[in-house]
Amino acid sequence: MTARISYSSGLRVLTFEYRKAPEDPYPAANEDALTAYYWLKEAGYSAGQIIFGGDSVGATLALMTLITLRDREEALPAGAFLISPHADLVHLDGDSYVTNRENDPTGSLEGNRRLIAAYLGSWQGEPPEILSPLKMNLAALPPLLIQVGSLEVLLSDAVRLSEWAKQAGVDVTMEIWDNMWSVFHFLAYMLPEAEQAIRNIGAFNKAKILDCNR
């Protein structure tokens, strides 16, 4: 999938193996995402030459990294594309966890509860705020492209994230793909909708990089 996104964008892609729970709970993955960004900066790339992207929890990591960089008053990338994002890993209160329960074989409320329990590990007290981007101030984030399938349990997270970010003044492009499941992009070798979604990501990436480097 990253190769297809690279081709459609005309950009090099860096993928990195962030540490995963339960062996490495919070904040390991968050720290690794920041490290990857700083590595790119040290390698000579400016913020305006970088686009963040991720799918599912990877999309959440991209979003949390943006928020962290903004709060540190550091230069932000040109934009980010978020595929089927978990906009709130803590409360899991989106309506589609129920309404799409029978439609989505790729995710569930129960599965996501296990996911956050593993990531928090032995964490004591209230979960960190950064794990609930949907409950945070999203002002001053760079342009976002959000893609989600109409049949997935994360539909509500994506829709609410789009609306919340727009209210904060963020430039958001929202795409809901009919009759698609989570991260249907993996089927681009056989699914026209997936191929088109990746082309849309490529167009978004090209446009935002160009906007930052005029």
N, C-alpha and C. Protein backbone atom coordinates (compact mmCIF):
# COMPACT_ATOMS: atom_id res chain seq x y z
N MET A 1 0.82 -1.20 0.00
CA MET A 1 0.00 0.00 0.00
C MET A 1 0.86 1.26 0.00
N THR A 2 1.94 1.26 0.79
CA THR A 2 2.79 2.45 0.82
C THR A 2 3.47 2.67 -0.52
N ALA A 3 3.79 1.59 -1.23
CA ALA A 3 4.39 1.74 -2.56
C ALA A 3 3.41 2.41 -3.52
N ARG A 4 2.15 2.01 -3.44
CA ARG A 4 1.13 2.62 -4.30
C ARG A 4 0.93 4.09 -3.95
N ILE A 5 0.93 4.41 -2.66
CA ILE A 5 0.79 5.81 -2.25
C ILE A 5 1.99 6.62 -2.71
N SER A 6 3.19 6.04 -2.61
CA SER A 6 4.39 6.72 -3.08
C SER A 6 4.28 7.03 -4.57
N TYR A 7 3.85 6.03 -5.35
CA TYR A 7 3.74 6.20 -6.80
C TYR A 7 2.71 7.28 -7.15
N SER A 8 1.56 7.23 -6.48
CA SER A 8 0.49 8.19 -6.80
C SER A 8 0.87 9.60 -6.37
N SER A 9 1.74 9.72 -5.36
CA SER A 9 2.12 11.03 -4.84
C SER A 9 3.35 11.61 -5.51
N GLY A 10 4.17 10.74 -6.12
CA GLY A 10 5.45 11.18 -6.65
C GLY A 10 6.41 11.54 -5.54
N LEU A 11 6.27 10.89 -4.39
CA LEU A 11 7.08 11.21 -3.22
C LEU A 11 7.72 9.95 -2.64
N ARG A 12 8.86 10.11 -2.02
CA ARG A 12 9.47 9.01 -1.28
C ARG A 12 8.67 8.79 0.00
N VAL A 13 8.64 7.54 0.44
CA VAL A 13 7.89 7.19 1.65
C VAL A 13 8.82 6.57 2.68
N LEU A 14 8.72 7.05 3.91
CA LEU A 14 9.42 6.44 5.03
C LEU A 14 8.41 5.66 5.86
N THR A 15 8.62 4.38 6.01
CA THR A 15 7.83 3.59 6.96
C THR A 15 8.75 3.17 8.10
N PHE A 16 8.21 3.10 9.29
CA PHE A 16 9.06 2.74 10.43
C PHE A 16 8.31 1.77 11.33
N GLU A 17 9.08 0.91 11.97
CA GLU A 17 8.51 -0.12 12.85
C GLU A 17 8.44 0.43 14.27
N TYR A 18 7.34 1.09 14.58
CA TYR A 18 7.21 1.60 15.95
C TYR A 18 6.96 0.45 16.91
N ARG A 19 7.39 0.64 18.15
CA ARG A 19 7.21 -0.40 19.16
C ARG A 19 5.73 -0.60 19.46
N LYS A 20 5.36 -1.85 19.72
CA LYS A 20 3.94 -2.20 19.86
C LYS A 20 3.66 -2.85 21.20
N ALA A 21 2.43 -2.62 21.65
CA ALA A 21 1.95 -3.27 22.87
C ALA A 21 1.61 -4.73 22.54
N PRO A 22 1.59 -5.60 23.55
CA PRO A 22 1.74 -5.31 24.98
C PRO A 22 3.20 -5.24 25.45
N GLU A 23 4.14 -5.64 24.58
CA GLU A 23 5.55 -5.62 25.01
C GLU A 23 6.02 -4.20 25.33
N ASP A 24 5.56 -3.24 24.52
CA ASP A 24 5.97 -1.84 24.72
C ASP A 24 4.71 -0.96 24.76
N PRO A 25 4.16 -0.74 25.95
CA PRO A 25 2.94 0.06 26.07
C PRO A 25 3.20 1.55 25.93
N TYR A 26 2.15 2.34 26.12
CA TYR A 26 2.25 3.79 26.07
C TYR A 26 3.37 4.26 26.98
N PRO A 27 4.20 5.24 26.53
CA PRO A 27 4.07 6.04 25.29
C PRO A 27 5.03 5.60 24.18
N ALA A 28 5.42 4.35 24.14
CA ALA A 28 6.47 3.91 23.21
C ALA A 28 6.16 4.28 21.76
N ALA A 29 4.98 3.92 21.27
CA ALA A 29 4.65 4.20 19.86
C ALA A 29 4.65 5.69 19.58
N ASN A 30 4.11 6.49 20.51
CA ASN A 30 4.10 7.94 20.33
C ASN A 30 5.52 8.49 20.23
N GLU A 31 6.40 8.01 21.09
CA GLU A 31 7.79 8.46 21.06
C GLU A 31 8.47 8.09 19.75
N ASP A 32 8.17 6.90 19.24
CA ASP A 32 8.79 6.45 17.99
C ASP A 32 8.32 7.28 16.81
N ALA A 33 7.04 7.67 16.82
CA ALA A 33 6.53 8.51 15.73
C ALA A 33 7.23 9.86 15.72
N LEU A 34 7.44 10.43 16.89
CA LEU A 34 8.16 11.70 16.97
C LEU A 34 9.61 11.54 16.53
N THR A 35 10.23 10.43 16.93
CA THR A 35 11.62 10.17 16.54
C THR A 35 11.75 10.09 15.03
N ALA A 36 10.78 9.47 14.36
CA ALA A 36 10.82 9.36 12.90
C ALA A 36 10.76 10.74 12.26
N TYR A 37 9.91 11.61 12.80
CA TYR A 37 9.81 12.97 12.26
C TYR A 37 11.11 13.74 12.44
N TYR A 38 11.69 13.64 13.64
CA TYR A 38 12.95 14.35 13.90
C TYR A 38 14.07 13.78 13.03
N TRP A 39 14.03 12.49 12.78
CA TRP A 39 15.05 11.88 11.90
C TRP A 39 14.98 12.47 10.50
N LEU A 40 13.76 12.64 10.00
CA LEU A 40 13.59 13.25 8.67
C LEU A 40 14.12 14.68 8.66
N LYS A 41 13.84 15.43 9.71
CA LYS A 41 14.32 16.81 9.78
C LYS A 41 15.85 16.83 9.79
N GLU A 42 16.45 15.93 10.57
CA GLU A 42 17.91 15.87 10.63
C GLU A 42 18.52 15.42 9.31
N ALA A 43 17.74 14.67 8.52
CA ALA A 43 18.22 14.20 7.22
C ALA A 43 18.13 15.30 6.16
N GLY A 44 17.59 16.45 6.54
CA GLY A 44 17.58 17.58 5.62
C GLY A 44 16.24 17.95 5.03
N TYR A 45 15.18 17.24 5.42
CA TYR A 45 13.85 17.56 4.92
C TYR A 45 13.23 18.66 5.77
N SER A 46 12.65 19.65 5.12
CA SER A 46 11.94 20.69 5.86
C SER A 46 10.53 20.20 6.19
N ALA A 47 9.89 20.85 7.15
CA ALA A 47 8.54 20.45 7.53
C ALA A 47 7.60 20.50 6.32
N GLY A 48 7.77 21.51 5.48
CA GLY A 48 6.90 21.66 4.32
C GLY A 48 7.11 20.62 3.24
N GLN A 49 8.12 19.78 3.37
CA GLN A 49 8.35 18.69 2.42
C GLN A 49 7.84 17.35 2.95
N ILE A 50 7.17 17.38 4.09
CA ILE A 50 6.75 16.14 4.76
C ILE A 50 5.24 16.08 4.87
N ILE A 51 4.69 14.91 4.59
CA ILE A 51 3.27 14.61 4.80
C ILE A 51 3.20 13.43 5.76
N PHE A 52 2.37 13.53 6.79
CA PHE A 52 2.12 12.38 7.66
C PHE A 52 1.00 11.54 7.07
N GLY A 53 1.02 10.25 7.37
CA GLY A 53 -0.07 9.38 6.93
C GLY A 53 -0.09 8.11 7.73
N GLY A 54 -1.26 7.52 7.83
CA GLY A 54 -1.37 6.25 8.54
C GLY A 54 -2.77 5.69 8.41
N ASP A 55 -2.91 4.42 8.73
CA ASP A 55 -4.22 3.80 8.71
C ASP A 55 -4.52 3.21 10.08
N SER A 56 -5.81 3.27 10.46
CA SER A 56 -6.28 2.72 11.72
C SER A 56 -5.52 3.36 12.89
N VAL A 57 -4.87 2.57 13.74
CA VAL A 57 -4.13 3.15 14.85
C VAL A 57 -2.94 3.96 14.34
N GLY A 58 -2.39 3.59 13.18
CA GLY A 58 -1.33 4.39 12.58
C GLY A 58 -1.80 5.80 12.25
N ALA A 59 -3.07 5.93 11.85
CA ALA A 59 -3.64 7.26 11.61
C ALA A 59 -3.75 8.04 12.91
N THR A 60 -4.10 7.33 13.99
CA THR A 60 -4.16 7.97 15.30
C THR A 60 -2.79 8.47 15.72
N LEU A 61 -1.76 7.66 15.50
CA LEU A 61 -0.40 8.08 15.83
C LEU A 61 -0.01 9.32 15.04
N ALA A 62 -0.37 9.36 13.77
CA ALA A 62 -0.07 10.54 12.96
C ALA A 62 -0.74 11.78 13.55
N LEU A 63 -2.00 11.63 13.93
CA LEU A 63 -2.75 12.75 14.50
C LEU A 63 -2.17 13.18 15.85
N MET A 64 -1.84 12.21 16.70
CA MET A 64 -1.27 12.54 18.00
C MET A 64 0.09 13.21 17.86
N THR A 65 0.85 12.81 16.84
CA THR A 65 2.15 13.44 16.60
C THR A 65 1.98 14.89 16.17
N LEU A 66 0.99 15.14 15.33
CA LEU A 66 0.70 16.52 14.93
C LEU A 66 0.37 17.38 16.14
N ILE A 67 -0.48 16.86 17.03
CA ILE A 67 -0.89 17.62 18.20
C ILE A 67 0.30 17.90 19.11
N THR A 68 1.15 16.90 19.30
CA THR A 68 2.32 17.07 20.15
C THR A 68 3.27 18.12 19.58
N LEU A 69 3.52 18.06 18.27
CA LEU A 69 4.40 19.03 17.64
C LEU A 69 3.82 20.44 17.74
N ARG A 70 2.52 20.55 17.53
CA ARG A 70 1.88 21.87 17.65
C ARG A 70 2.04 22.41 19.06
N ASP A 71 1.81 21.56 20.07
CA ASP A 71 1.91 22.01 21.45
C ASP A 71 3.34 22.38 21.83
N ARG A 72 4.32 21.79 21.14
CA ARG A 72 5.72 22.15 21.37
C ARG A 72 6.14 23.35 20.54
N GLU A 73 5.19 23.88 19.77
CA GLU A 73 5.42 25.05 18.92
C GLU A 73 6.52 24.77 17.90
N GLU A 74 6.50 23.57 17.35
CA GLU A 74 7.47 23.19 16.33
C GLU A 74 6.81 23.24 14.96
N ALA A 75 7.64 23.29 13.92
CA ALA A 75 7.12 23.35 12.55
C ALA A 75 6.33 22.09 12.23
N LEU A 76 5.17 22.28 11.62
CA LEU A 76 4.29 21.16 11.29
C LEU A 76 4.44 20.77 9.83
N PRO A 77 4.19 19.50 9.51
CA PRO A 77 4.28 19.07 8.12
C PRO A 77 3.21 19.73 7.25
N ALA A 78 3.32 19.50 5.95
CA ALA A 78 2.42 20.15 5.01
C ALA A 78 0.98 19.66 5.12
N GLY A 79 0.79 18.48 5.68
CA GLY A 79 -0.55 17.92 5.81
C GLY A 79 -0.47 16.50 6.33
N ALA A 80 -1.65 15.86 6.40
CA ALA A 80 -1.69 14.47 6.85
C ALA A 80 -2.92 13.79 6.25
N PHE A 81 -2.74 12.54 5.82
CA PHE A 81 -3.90 11.75 5.39
C PHE A 81 -4.13 10.66 6.43
N LEU A 82 -5.38 10.52 6.83
CA LEU A 82 -5.77 9.62 7.90
C LEU A 82 -6.78 8.62 7.36
N ILE A 83 -6.41 7.37 7.30
CA ILE A 83 -7.27 6.31 6.78
C ILE A 83 -7.89 5.56 7.95
N SER A 84 -9.21 5.59 8.03
CA SER A 84 -9.93 4.88 9.11
C SER A 84 -9.34 5.17 10.48
N PRO A 85 -9.26 6.45 10.86
CA PRO A 85 -8.60 6.78 12.13
C PRO A 85 -9.44 6.41 13.35
N HIS A 86 -8.76 5.98 14.41
CA HIS A 86 -9.36 5.91 15.74
C HIS A 86 -9.23 7.32 16.31
N ALA A 87 -10.29 8.09 16.30
CA ALA A 87 -10.19 9.47 16.78
C ALA A 87 -10.22 9.55 18.30
N ASP A 88 -10.61 8.47 18.95
CA ASP A 88 -10.65 8.43 20.41
C ASP A 88 -10.42 6.99 20.85
N LEU A 89 -9.22 6.71 21.34
CA LEU A 89 -8.87 5.36 21.74
C LEU A 89 -9.35 5.02 23.15
N VAL A 90 -9.90 6.00 23.85
CA VAL A 90 -10.26 5.79 25.25
C VAL A 90 -11.76 5.57 25.44
N HIS A 91 -12.58 6.47 24.93
CA HIS A 91 -14.01 6.43 25.24
C HIS A 91 -14.79 5.47 24.34
N LEU A 92 -14.33 5.29 23.10
CA LEU A 92 -14.96 4.31 22.20
C LEU A 92 -16.47 4.48 22.17
N ASP A 93 -16.92 5.71 21.95
CA ASP A 93 -18.35 6.01 22.08
C ASP A 93 -19.02 6.38 20.75
N GLY A 94 -18.38 6.05 19.64
CA GLY A 94 -19.01 6.34 18.35
C GLY A 94 -20.20 5.44 18.08
N ASP A 95 -21.27 6.01 17.50
CA ASP A 95 -22.48 5.25 17.23
C ASP A 95 -22.23 4.04 16.33
N SER A 96 -21.28 4.17 15.41
CA SER A 96 -21.07 3.10 14.43
C SER A 96 -20.46 1.85 15.04
N TYR A 97 -19.93 1.94 16.26
CA TYR A 97 -19.51 0.71 16.93
C TYR A 97 -20.70 -0.24 17.10
N VAL A 98 -21.90 0.35 17.19
CA VAL A 98 -23.12 -0.45 17.32
C VAL A 98 -23.81 -0.64 15.98
N THR A 99 -24.00 0.47 15.24
CA THR A 99 -24.78 0.39 14.00
C THR A 99 -24.08 -0.42 12.91
N ASN A 100 -22.74 -0.45 12.92
CA ASN A 100 -22.00 -1.22 11.91
C ASN A 100 -21.40 -2.52 12.47
N ARG A 101 -21.86 -2.90 13.65
CA ARG A 101 -21.30 -4.08 14.31
C ARG A 101 -21.43 -5.33 13.44
N GLU A 102 -22.56 -5.46 12.76
CA GLU A 102 -22.80 -6.64 11.94
C GLU A 102 -22.23 -6.50 10.53
N ASN A 103 -21.81 -5.31 10.17
CA ASN A 103 -21.35 -5.05 8.80
C ASN A 103 -19.84 -5.13 8.63
N ASP A 104 -19.11 -5.02 9.75
CA ASP A 104 -17.66 -4.84 9.68
C ASP A 104 -16.92 -6.04 10.28
N PRO A 105 -16.33 -6.88 9.42
CA PRO A 105 -15.54 -8.01 9.95
C PRO A 105 -14.12 -7.61 10.34
N THR A 106 -13.77 -6.37 10.13
CA THR A 106 -12.37 -5.94 10.35
C THR A 106 -12.15 -5.27 11.70
N GLY A 107 -13.21 -4.98 12.45
CA GLY A 107 -13.04 -4.30 13.72
C GLY A 107 -14.28 -4.43 14.58
N SER A 108 -14.12 -4.16 15.89
CA SER A 108 -15.24 -4.26 16.81
C SER A 108 -14.95 -3.46 18.06
N LEU A 109 -16.00 -3.16 18.81
CA LEU A 109 -15.85 -2.46 20.08
C LEU A 109 -15.01 -3.30 21.05
N GLU A 110 -15.28 -4.58 21.09
CA GLU A 110 -14.55 -5.47 22.00
C GLU A 110 -13.06 -5.52 21.64
N GLY A 111 -12.77 -5.61 20.36
CA GLY A 111 -11.38 -5.64 19.92
C GLY A 111 -10.64 -4.37 20.28
N ASN A 112 -11.31 -3.23 20.14
CA ASN A 112 -10.65 -1.96 20.46
C ASN A 112 -10.48 -1.78 21.96
N ARG A 113 -11.38 -2.34 22.75
CA ARG A 113 -11.18 -2.31 24.20
C ARG A 113 -9.93 -3.08 24.59
N ARG A 114 -9.73 -4.23 23.95
CA ARG A 114 -8.52 -5.01 24.23
C ARG A 114 -7.28 -4.25 23.78
N LEU A 115 -7.41 -3.55 22.66
CA LEU A 115 -6.28 -2.79 22.12
C LEU A 115 -5.82 -1.72 23.10
N ILE A 116 -6.76 -0.91 23.59
CA ILE A 116 -6.36 0.18 24.48
C ILE A 116 -5.88 -0.35 25.82
N ALA A 117 -6.45 -1.46 26.29
CA ALA A 117 -5.98 -2.06 27.54
C ALA A 117 -4.52 -2.51 27.40
N ALA A 118 -4.20 -3.09 26.25
CA ALA A 118 -2.82 -3.53 26.01
C ALA A 118 -1.88 -2.34 25.91
N TYR A 119 -2.32 -1.26 25.26
CA TYR A 119 -1.44 -0.12 25.07
C TYR A 119 -1.21 0.64 26.39
N LEU A 120 -2.23 0.70 27.23
CA LEU A 120 -2.05 1.38 28.51
C LEU A 120 -1.22 0.55 29.48
N GLY A 121 -1.26 -0.78 29.32
CA GLY A 121 -0.44 -1.64 30.17
C GLY A 121 -0.70 -1.39 31.65
N SER A 122 0.34 -1.06 32.38
CA SER A 122 0.22 -0.83 33.82
C SER A 122 -0.01 0.63 34.17
N TRP A 123 -0.40 1.44 33.18
CA TRP A 123 -0.62 2.86 33.42
C TRP A 123 -1.63 3.06 34.55
N GLN A 124 -1.32 3.95 35.47
CA GLN A 124 -2.19 4.22 36.61
C GLN A 124 -2.91 5.55 36.42
N GLY A 125 -4.16 5.61 36.86
CA GLY A 125 -4.91 6.86 36.78
C GLY A 125 -5.64 7.02 35.46
N GLU A 126 -6.09 8.25 35.21
CA GLU A 126 -6.82 8.55 33.98
C GLU A 126 -5.93 8.35 32.76
N PRO A 127 -6.48 7.81 31.66
CA PRO A 127 -5.68 7.66 30.43
C PRO A 127 -5.18 9.02 29.95
N PRO A 128 -4.01 9.07 29.34
CA PRO A 128 -3.47 10.34 28.84
C PRO A 128 -4.41 11.01 27.83
N GLU A 129 -4.53 12.31 27.92
CA GLU A 129 -5.43 13.06 27.05
C GLU A 129 -5.10 12.85 25.58
N ILE A 130 -3.83 12.69 25.26
CA ILE A 130 -3.40 12.59 23.87
C ILE A 130 -4.01 11.38 23.16
N LEU A 131 -4.49 10.40 23.91
CA LEU A 131 -5.10 9.22 23.30
C LEU A 131 -6.54 9.48 22.86
N SER A 132 -7.03 10.66 23.14
CA SER A 132 -8.39 11.05 22.73
C SER A 132 -8.36 12.33 21.93
N PRO A 133 -7.76 12.33 20.73
CA PRO A 133 -7.69 13.56 19.94
C PRO A 133 -9.05 14.22 19.72
N LEU A 134 -10.10 13.41 19.66
CA LEU A 134 -11.44 13.94 19.42
C LEU A 134 -11.91 14.84 20.56
N LYS A 135 -11.30 14.69 21.73
CA LYS A 135 -11.68 15.51 22.88
C LYS A 135 -10.73 16.70 23.07
N MET A 136 -9.75 16.85 22.18
CA MET A 136 -8.72 17.88 22.36
C MET A 136 -8.95 19.06 21.41
N ASN A 137 -8.25 20.13 21.68
CA ASN A 137 -8.24 21.28 20.78
C ASN A 137 -7.42 20.93 19.54
N LEU A 138 -8.01 21.04 18.38
CA LEU A 138 -7.33 20.69 17.13
C LEU A 138 -6.93 21.92 16.31
N ALA A 139 -7.03 23.09 16.89
CA ALA A 139 -6.70 24.32 16.16
C ALA A 139 -5.25 24.31 15.71
N ALA A 140 -5.02 24.93 14.55
CA ALA A 140 -3.68 25.15 13.99
C ALA A 140 -3.02 23.89 13.45
N LEU A 141 -3.79 22.83 13.28
CA LEU A 141 -3.22 21.66 12.62
C LEU A 141 -3.18 21.90 11.11
N PRO A 142 -2.30 21.20 10.39
CA PRO A 142 -2.22 21.36 8.94
C PRO A 142 -3.41 20.70 8.25
N PRO A 143 -3.57 20.87 6.95
CA PRO A 143 -4.69 20.25 6.23
C PRO A 143 -4.73 18.74 6.41
N LEU A 144 -5.96 18.22 6.51
CA LEU A 144 -6.17 16.79 6.72
C LEU A 144 -7.04 16.21 5.62
N LEU A 145 -6.67 15.02 5.16
CA LEU A 145 -7.54 14.20 4.31
C LEU A 145 -7.94 12.99 5.13
N ILE A 146 -9.25 12.80 5.32
CA ILE A 146 -9.76 11.68 6.09
C ILE A 146 -10.56 10.78 5.16
N GLN A 147 -10.22 9.50 5.15
CA GLN A 147 -10.94 8.52 4.34
C GLN A 147 -11.45 7.41 5.24
N VAL A 148 -12.70 7.00 5.01
CA VAL A 148 -13.31 5.97 5.84
C VAL A 148 -14.35 5.22 5.01
N GLY A 149 -14.59 3.96 5.35
CA GLY A 149 -15.62 3.18 4.68
C GLY A 149 -16.96 3.31 5.38
N SER A 150 -18.05 3.26 4.63
CA SER A 150 -19.37 3.45 5.22
C SER A 150 -19.81 2.28 6.09
N LEU A 151 -19.15 1.12 5.95
CA LEU A 151 -19.56 -0.06 6.69
C LEU A 151 -18.70 -0.35 7.92
N GLU A 152 -17.74 0.49 8.22
CA GLU A 152 -16.81 0.15 9.31
C GLU A 152 -17.23 0.75 10.65
N VAL A 153 -16.78 0.10 11.72
CA VAL A 153 -17.15 0.56 13.05
C VAL A 153 -16.51 1.90 13.39
N LEU A 154 -15.49 2.30 12.66
CA LEU A 154 -14.81 3.57 12.92
C LEU A 154 -15.42 4.74 12.15
N LEU A 155 -16.53 4.51 11.46
CA LEU A 155 -17.15 5.58 10.67
C LEU A 155 -17.44 6.81 11.54
N SER A 156 -18.05 6.61 12.69
CA SER A 156 -18.41 7.75 13.55
C SER A 156 -17.18 8.52 14.01
N ASP A 157 -16.10 7.80 14.33
CA ASP A 157 -14.86 8.47 14.75
C ASP A 157 -14.38 9.41 13.64
N ALA A 158 -14.38 8.91 12.41
CA ALA A 158 -13.88 9.71 11.30
C ALA A 158 -14.76 10.92 11.03
N VAL A 159 -16.08 10.73 11.05
CA VAL A 159 -17.00 11.83 10.79
C VAL A 159 -16.90 12.88 11.88
N ARG A 160 -16.88 12.45 13.13
CA ARG A 160 -16.79 13.41 14.24
C ARG A 160 -15.45 14.14 14.23
N LEU A 161 -14.39 13.43 13.88
CA LEU A 161 -13.07 14.08 13.78
C LEU A 161 -13.09 15.16 12.72
N SER A 162 -13.67 14.86 11.58
CA SER A 162 -13.76 15.85 10.51
C SER A 162 -14.52 17.09 10.96
N GLU A 163 -15.66 16.88 11.60
CA GLU A 163 -16.48 18.01 12.04
C GLU A 163 -15.78 18.82 13.13
N TRP A 164 -15.14 18.13 14.06
CA TRP A 164 -14.46 18.80 15.16
C TRP A 164 -13.28 19.62 14.66
N ALA A 165 -12.52 19.04 13.73
CA ALA A 165 -11.37 19.75 13.18
C ALA A 165 -11.82 20.97 12.37
N LYS A 166 -12.88 20.82 11.60
CA LYS A 166 -13.39 21.97 10.83
C LYS A 166 -13.82 23.09 11.75
N GLN A 167 -14.47 22.75 12.87
CA GLN A 167 -14.89 23.77 13.83
C GLN A 167 -13.68 24.51 14.40
N ALA A 168 -12.53 23.82 14.46
CA ALA A 168 -11.31 24.44 14.98
C ALA A 168 -10.57 25.23 13.91
N GLY A 169 -11.12 25.28 12.69
CA GLY A 169 -10.51 26.05 11.63
C GLY A 169 -9.53 25.28 10.76
N VAL A 170 -9.51 23.95 10.89
CA VAL A 170 -8.59 23.12 10.10
C VAL A 170 -9.20 22.87 8.72
N ASP A 171 -8.36 22.89 7.70
CA ASP A 171 -8.76 22.55 6.34
C ASP A 171 -8.89 21.03 6.24
N VAL A 172 -10.13 20.53 6.13
CA VAL A 172 -10.37 19.08 6.14
C VAL A 172 -11.08 18.65 4.86
N THR A 173 -10.55 17.60 4.24
CA THR A 173 -11.23 16.94 3.14
C THR A 173 -11.71 15.59 3.65
N MET A 174 -13.02 15.36 3.62
CA MET A 174 -13.60 14.14 4.17
C MET A 174 -14.18 13.28 3.05
N GLU A 175 -13.79 12.01 3.04
CA GLU A 175 -14.29 11.07 2.03
C GLU A 175 -14.87 9.84 2.72
N ILE A 176 -16.16 9.58 2.48
CA ILE A 176 -16.80 8.35 2.97
C ILE A 176 -17.05 7.46 1.75
N TRP A 177 -16.45 6.28 1.77
CA TRP A 177 -16.53 5.37 0.64
C TRP A 177 -17.63 4.33 0.88
N ASP A 178 -18.62 4.34 -0.01
CA ASP A 178 -19.79 3.47 0.15
C ASP A 178 -19.40 1.99 0.12
N ASN A 179 -20.01 1.24 1.03
CA ASN A 179 -19.89 -0.22 1.08
C ASN A 179 -18.45 -0.71 1.25
N MET A 180 -17.62 0.11 1.91
CA MET A 180 -16.23 -0.28 2.13
C MET A 180 -16.00 -0.52 3.62
N TRP A 181 -15.02 -1.40 3.89
CA TRP A 181 -14.58 -1.70 5.25
C TRP A 181 -13.32 -0.90 5.58
N SER A 182 -12.80 -1.15 6.77
CA SER A 182 -11.61 -0.44 7.23
C SER A 182 -10.40 -0.74 6.34
N VAL A 183 -9.71 0.32 5.93
CA VAL A 183 -8.47 0.23 5.15
C VAL A 183 -8.65 -0.68 3.93
N PHE A 184 -9.70 -0.42 3.17
CA PHE A 184 -9.95 -1.15 1.94
C PHE A 184 -8.86 -0.90 0.89
N HIS A 185 -8.00 0.06 1.14
CA HIS A 185 -6.91 0.41 0.24
C HIS A 185 -5.98 -0.77 -0.04
N PHE A 186 -5.90 -1.71 0.92
CA PHE A 186 -5.04 -2.87 0.74
C PHE A 186 -5.47 -3.71 -0.47
N LEU A 187 -6.69 -3.52 -0.94
CA LEU A 187 -7.22 -4.31 -2.06
C LEU A 187 -7.12 -3.56 -3.38
N ALA A 188 -6.22 -2.60 -3.46
CA ALA A 188 -6.10 -1.79 -4.68
C ALA A 188 -5.73 -2.62 -5.91
N TYR A 189 -5.13 -3.79 -5.70
CA TYR A 189 -4.77 -4.64 -6.84
C TYR A 189 -6.00 -5.22 -7.52
N MET A 190 -7.18 -5.15 -6.88
CA MET A 190 -8.37 -5.74 -7.47
C MET A 190 -9.63 -4.88 -7.32
N LEU A 191 -9.56 -3.82 -6.50
CA LEU A 191 -10.75 -3.04 -6.18
C LEU A 191 -10.62 -1.62 -6.73
N PRO A 192 -11.46 -1.24 -7.71
CA PRO A 192 -11.35 0.11 -8.30
C PRO A 192 -11.49 1.22 -7.27
N GLU A 193 -12.36 1.03 -6.28
CA GLU A 193 -12.54 2.06 -5.26
C GLU A 193 -11.25 2.30 -4.47
N ALA A 194 -10.55 1.22 -4.16
CA ALA A 194 -9.29 1.35 -3.43
C ALA A 194 -8.24 2.06 -4.27
N GLU A 195 -8.19 1.72 -5.55
CA GLU A 195 -7.24 2.39 -6.44
C GLU A 195 -7.53 3.88 -6.53
N GLN A 196 -8.82 4.23 -6.61
CA GLN A 196 -9.19 5.65 -6.69
C GLN A 196 -8.89 6.37 -5.38
N ALA A 197 -9.13 5.72 -4.25
CA ALA A 197 -8.85 6.34 -2.95
C ALA A 197 -7.36 6.67 -2.84
N ILE A 198 -6.51 5.77 -3.31
CA ILE A 198 -5.07 6.02 -3.27
C ILE A 198 -4.69 7.15 -4.22
N ARG A 199 -5.34 7.22 -5.37
CA ARG A 199 -5.08 8.35 -6.28
C ARG A 199 -5.46 9.66 -5.61
N ASN A 200 -6.55 9.65 -4.85
CA ASN A 200 -6.97 10.86 -4.14
C ASN A 200 -5.93 11.26 -3.09
N ILE A 201 -5.36 10.27 -2.42
CA ILE A 201 -4.28 10.56 -1.46
C ILE A 201 -3.10 11.19 -2.18
N GLY A 202 -2.75 10.63 -3.33
CA GLY A 202 -1.64 11.17 -4.11
C GLY A 202 -1.87 12.61 -4.51
N ALA A 203 -3.09 12.91 -4.97
CA ALA A 203 -3.41 14.28 -5.38
C ALA A 203 -3.35 15.23 -4.19
N PHE A 204 -3.86 14.78 -3.04
CA PHE A 204 -3.80 15.59 -1.82
C PHE A 204 -2.35 15.87 -1.44
N ASN A 205 -1.52 14.85 -1.44
CA ASN A 205 -0.12 15.02 -1.05
C ASN A 205 0.61 15.99 -1.97
N LYS A 206 0.42 15.83 -3.27
CA LYS A 206 1.07 16.73 -4.23
C LYS A 206 0.64 18.17 -4.00
N ALA A 207 -0.68 18.37 -3.82
CA ALA A 207 -1.20 19.73 -3.67
C ALA A 207 -0.67 20.40 -2.40
N LYS A 208 -0.64 19.67 -1.28
CA LYS A 208 -0.20 20.28 -0.03
C LYS A 208 1.30 20.56 -0.01
N ILE A 209 2.08 19.66 -0.60
CA ILE A 209 3.51 19.92 -0.71
C ILE A 209 3.74 21.17 -1.57
N LEU A 210 3.02 21.25 -2.66
CA LEU A 210 3.15 22.41 -3.56
C LEU A 210 2.74 23.70 -2.83
N ASP A 211 1.65 23.66 -2.07
CA ASP A 211 1.20 24.84 -1.35
C ASP A 211 2.26 25.35 -0.38
N CYS A 212 3.00 24.42 0.23
CA CYS A 212 4.00 24.80 1.24
C CYS A 212 5.32 25.25 0.62
N ASN A 213 5.48 25.02 -0.66
CA ASN A 213 6.78 25.32 -1.28
C ASN A 213 6.67 26.23 -2.49
N ARG A 214 5.63 27.03 -2.51
CA ARG A 214 5.47 27.98 -3.61
C ARG A 214 6.51 29.09 -3.50
